Amino acid sequence: MVEEAGVEKIVVFVYVILPLFSLLVNVVTQILSFRMAPKRGLLKSIFLGFFAGFCSLFIFEILYSGLPGRLFRYGISSGITNMVIYVLLGYCYFHFVGLGETARRIRMLIEIFRSKDGLSLDEILSKYNAREILDKRINRLISNGQLICKEGRYFIGKPVVLFIAGAATFLKLLLLGRKSETARGIG
């Protein structure tokens, strides 16, 4: 009886760490993918890492649940729970990576940190004027195939990020009751 309780604790512990292990697979795969093939782009490396982590979780869930007596006792409910947890962890990692890549405040602080003599306001404004930022973002969207430019007009290309934005908006609406996280009546 005591031995069974010890085994039970180990089983529960393994189920708890599986999403964390899969997130580790995600992060390692994403970093290696981006460093080995940087021309593919950051977004593709993030998707590859997420897919690798999800596959590892799925495989471990199947292998671990296949042990005698565990499939119906833990496997199905734990598998679904762990997949939801992994998707949420992957979503957090996606935004963590994107934060350093896209946030102007962070980039500006990094630029100032790297400058031995500091930067003047004019130097900061020359690097971060609205037109240049917009041009860079549009060019990035075009090079990723997310935007198409025809005769000076822009159209949606690959709708992947648009789909992600729609899913995020749906989740905000579902969880917060509105499309934005700003407080009602403000902004």
Protein backbone atom coordinates (compact mmCIF):
# COMPACT_ATOMS: atom_id res chain seq x y z
CA MET A 1 0.00 0.00 0.00
CA VAL A 2 2.79 2.43 0.92
CA GLU A 3 4.70 1.41 -2.20
CA GLU A 4 1.60 2.11 -4.34
CA ALA A 5 1.31 5.61 -2.86
CA GLY A 6 4.95 6.29 -3.76
CA VAL A 7 4.41 5.10 -7.34
CA GLU A 8 1.25 7.21 -7.51
CA LYS A 9 3.22 10.34 -6.52
CA ILE A 10 5.82 9.61 -9.21
CA VAL A 11 3.09 9.15 -11.83
CA VAL A 12 1.47 12.47 -10.89
CA PHE A 13 4.87 14.22 -10.87
CA VAL A 14 5.66 12.97 -14.38
CA TYR A 15 2.30 14.22 -15.65
CA VAL A 16 2.96 17.61 -14.09
CA ILE A 17 6.41 18.06 -15.65
CA LEU A 18 5.52 16.85 -19.16
CA PRO A 19 4.31 20.28 -20.39
CA LEU A 20 7.43 21.90 -18.91
CA PHE A 21 9.68 19.36 -20.60
CA SER A 22 7.84 19.96 -23.88
CA LEU A 23 8.34 23.70 -23.48
CA LEU A 24 12.05 23.00 -23.07
CA VAL A 25 11.98 21.02 -26.34
CA ASN A 26 10.15 24.00 -27.92
CA VAL A 27 12.74 26.54 -26.74
CA VAL A 28 15.79 24.44 -27.69
CA THR A 29 14.34 23.62 -31.13
CA GLN A 30 13.44 27.26 -31.76
CA ILE A 31 16.88 28.55 -30.78
CA LEU A 32 18.75 25.90 -32.78
CA SER A 33 16.47 26.38 -35.79
CA PHE A 34 16.92 30.14 -35.79
CA ARG A 35 20.69 29.97 -35.33
CA MET A 36 21.22 27.27 -37.94
CA ALA A 37 18.97 28.87 -40.57
CA PRO A 38 18.42 32.57 -39.72
CA LYS A 39 17.22 33.35 -43.25
CA ARG A 40 14.05 31.33 -42.60
CA GLY A 41 13.10 33.95 -40.06
CA LEU A 42 12.20 34.18 -36.42
CA LEU A 43 8.49 33.44 -36.85
CA LYS A 44 9.12 30.16 -38.68
CA SER A 45 11.60 29.07 -36.02
CA ILE A 46 9.01 29.81 -33.32
CA PHE A 47 6.40 27.75 -35.17
CA LEU A 48 8.89 24.90 -35.65
CA GLY A 49 9.79 24.96 -31.96
CA PHE A 50 6.13 24.96 -30.96
CA PHE A 51 5.39 22.04 -33.27
CA ALA A 52 8.40 20.05 -31.96
CA GLY A 53 7.36 20.65 -28.36
CA PHE A 54 3.76 19.68 -29.10
CA CYS A 55 4.87 16.49 -30.87
CA SER A 56 7.15 15.57 -27.97
CA LEU A 57 4.30 16.07 -25.50
CA PHE A 58 1.95 14.00 -27.64
CA ILE A 59 4.49 11.17 -27.97
CA PHE A 60 5.31 11.14 -24.26
CA GLU A 61 1.63 11.21 -23.34
CA ILE A 62 0.96 8.21 -25.58
CA LEU A 63 3.98 6.28 -24.33
CA TYR A 64 3.36 7.07 -20.68
CA SER A 65 -0.39 6.52 -20.86
CA GLY A 66 0.18 3.17 -22.55
CA LEU A 67 1.66 1.74 -19.38
CA PRO A 68 -0.73 -0.82 -17.84
CA GLY A 69 -3.68 0.67 -15.99
CA ARG A 70 -2.84 4.31 -16.70
CA LEU A 71 -4.68 5.01 -19.95
CA PHE A 72 -8.13 5.39 -18.49
CA ARG A 73 -7.04 6.41 -15.04
CA TYR A 74 -4.90 9.40 -16.05
CA GLY A 75 -4.16 9.35 -19.75
CA ILE A 76 -7.08 11.02 -21.47
CA SER A 77 -7.87 13.77 -18.97
CA SER A 78 -4.23 14.40 -18.17
CA GLY A 79 -3.29 14.39 -21.85
CA ILE A 80 -5.89 17.01 -22.70
CA THR A 81 -4.93 19.10 -19.66
CA ASN A 82 -1.22 18.89 -20.48
CA MET A 83 -1.85 19.87 -24.09
CA VAL A 84 -3.83 22.93 -23.02
CA ILE A 85 -1.08 23.85 -20.54
CA TYR A 86 1.57 23.40 -23.23
CA VAL A 87 -0.33 25.55 -25.74
CA LEU A 88 -0.60 28.31 -23.12
CA LEU A 89 3.10 28.02 -22.24
CA GLY A 90 3.96 28.12 -25.95
CA TYR A 91 1.79 31.21 -26.37
CA CYS A 92 3.65 32.90 -23.50
CA TYR A 93 7.01 31.96 -25.02
CA PHE A 94 5.91 33.31 -28.41
CA HIS A 95 5.17 36.68 -26.81
CA PHE A 96 8.33 36.60 -24.71
CA VAL A 97 10.46 36.19 -27.85
CA GLY A 98 8.38 38.74 -29.76
CA LEU A 99 8.71 41.27 -26.96
CA GLY A 100 12.42 41.76 -27.50
CA GLU A 101 12.05 41.69 -31.26
CA THR A 102 9.26 44.20 -31.72
CA ALA A 103 8.94 46.44 -28.69
CA ARG A 104 10.40 49.85 -29.46
CA ARG A 105 10.97 50.66 -25.82
CA ILE A 106 13.17 47.60 -25.35
CA ARG A 107 15.05 48.21 -28.60
CA MET A 108 15.58 51.84 -27.64
CA LEU A 109 16.93 50.87 -24.21
CA ILE A 110 19.26 48.31 -25.82
CA GLU A 111 20.53 50.97 -28.26
CA ILE A 112 21.17 53.39 -25.40
CA PHE A 113 22.85 50.65 -23.34
CA ARG A 114 25.17 49.74 -26.25
CA SER A 115 26.17 53.36 -26.82
CA LYS A 116 29.20 54.20 -24.70
CA ASP A 117 28.52 57.94 -24.81
CA GLY A 118 24.73 57.70 -24.56
CA LEU A 119 22.39 58.98 -27.26
CA SER A 120 20.97 62.45 -27.75
CA LEU A 121 17.28 62.97 -28.44
CA ASP A 122 18.09 63.77 -32.08
CA GLU A 123 20.01 60.50 -32.44
CA ILE A 124 17.11 58.56 -30.92
CA LEU A 125 14.58 60.31 -33.17
CA SER A 126 16.71 59.63 -36.24
CA LYS A 127 16.61 55.89 -35.48
CA TYR A 128 12.97 55.74 -34.45
CA ASN A 129 10.93 58.01 -36.64
CA ALA A 130 7.43 56.78 -37.49
CA ARG A 131 8.00 56.57 -41.26
CA GLU A 132 11.07 54.35 -40.96
CA ILE A 133 9.35 52.09 -38.44
CA LEU A 134 6.30 51.74 -40.69
CA ASP A 135 8.49 51.09 -43.75
CA LYS A 136 10.43 48.39 -41.89
CA ARG A 137 7.25 46.69 -40.69
CA ILE A 138 5.63 46.78 -44.12
CA ASN A 139 8.80 45.43 -45.76
CA ARG A 140 8.98 42.65 -43.17
CA LEU A 141 5.32 41.73 -43.80
CA ILE A 142 5.95 41.69 -47.57
CA SER A 143 9.14 39.60 -47.26
CA ASN A 144 7.28 37.09 -45.05
CA GLY A 145 4.48 36.91 -47.60
CA GLN A 146 1.91 38.25 -45.13
CA LEU A 147 1.30 41.31 -47.30
CA ILE A 148 1.23 41.65 -51.07
CA CYS A 149 1.76 44.98 -52.80
CA LYS A 150 0.00 45.42 -56.16
CA GLU A 151 0.01 48.77 -57.93
CA GLY A 152 0.80 50.63 -54.72
CA ARG A 153 -2.00 48.97 -52.71
CA TYR A 154 -1.53 46.37 -49.99
CA PHE A 155 -3.47 43.12 -49.69
CA ILE A 156 -3.37 40.20 -47.27
CA GLY A 157 -1.01 37.44 -48.42
CA LYS A 158 -0.51 34.52 -46.05
CA PRO A 159 -3.12 35.03 -43.33
CA VAL A 160 -1.22 33.16 -40.57
CA VAL A 161 -0.61 36.16 -38.31
CA LEU A 162 -4.06 37.51 -39.12
CA PHE A 163 -5.50 34.18 -37.95
CA ILE A 164 -3.43 34.36 -34.74
CA ALA A 165 -4.62 37.92 -34.13
CA GLY A 166 -8.22 36.80 -34.67
CA ALA A 167 -7.76 33.91 -32.24
CA ALA A 168 -6.25 36.26 -29.64
CA THR A 169 -9.14 38.70 -30.11
CA PHE A 170 -11.62 35.83 -29.73
CA LEU A 171 -9.92 34.69 -26.51
CA LYS A 172 -9.96 38.24 -25.14
CA LEU A 173 -13.64 38.50 -25.97
CA LEU A 174 -14.32 35.12 -24.39
CA LEU A 175 -12.26 35.71 -21.24
CA LEU A 176 -12.59 39.46 -20.74
CA GLY A 177 -15.91 40.15 -22.41
CA ARG A 178 -14.34 42.70 -24.77
CA LYS A 179 -11.87 42.84 -27.65
CA SER A 180 -9.29 44.90 -25.77
CA GLU A 181 -7.75 44.54 -22.35
CA THR A 182 -8.13 48.25 -21.62
CA ALA A 183 -10.61 49.12 -18.92
CA ARG A 184 -14.06 50.14 -20.08
CA GLY A 185 -14.43 53.84 -20.49
CA ILE A 186 -10.67 54.40 -20.73
CA GLY A 187 -8.84 54.89 -24.02
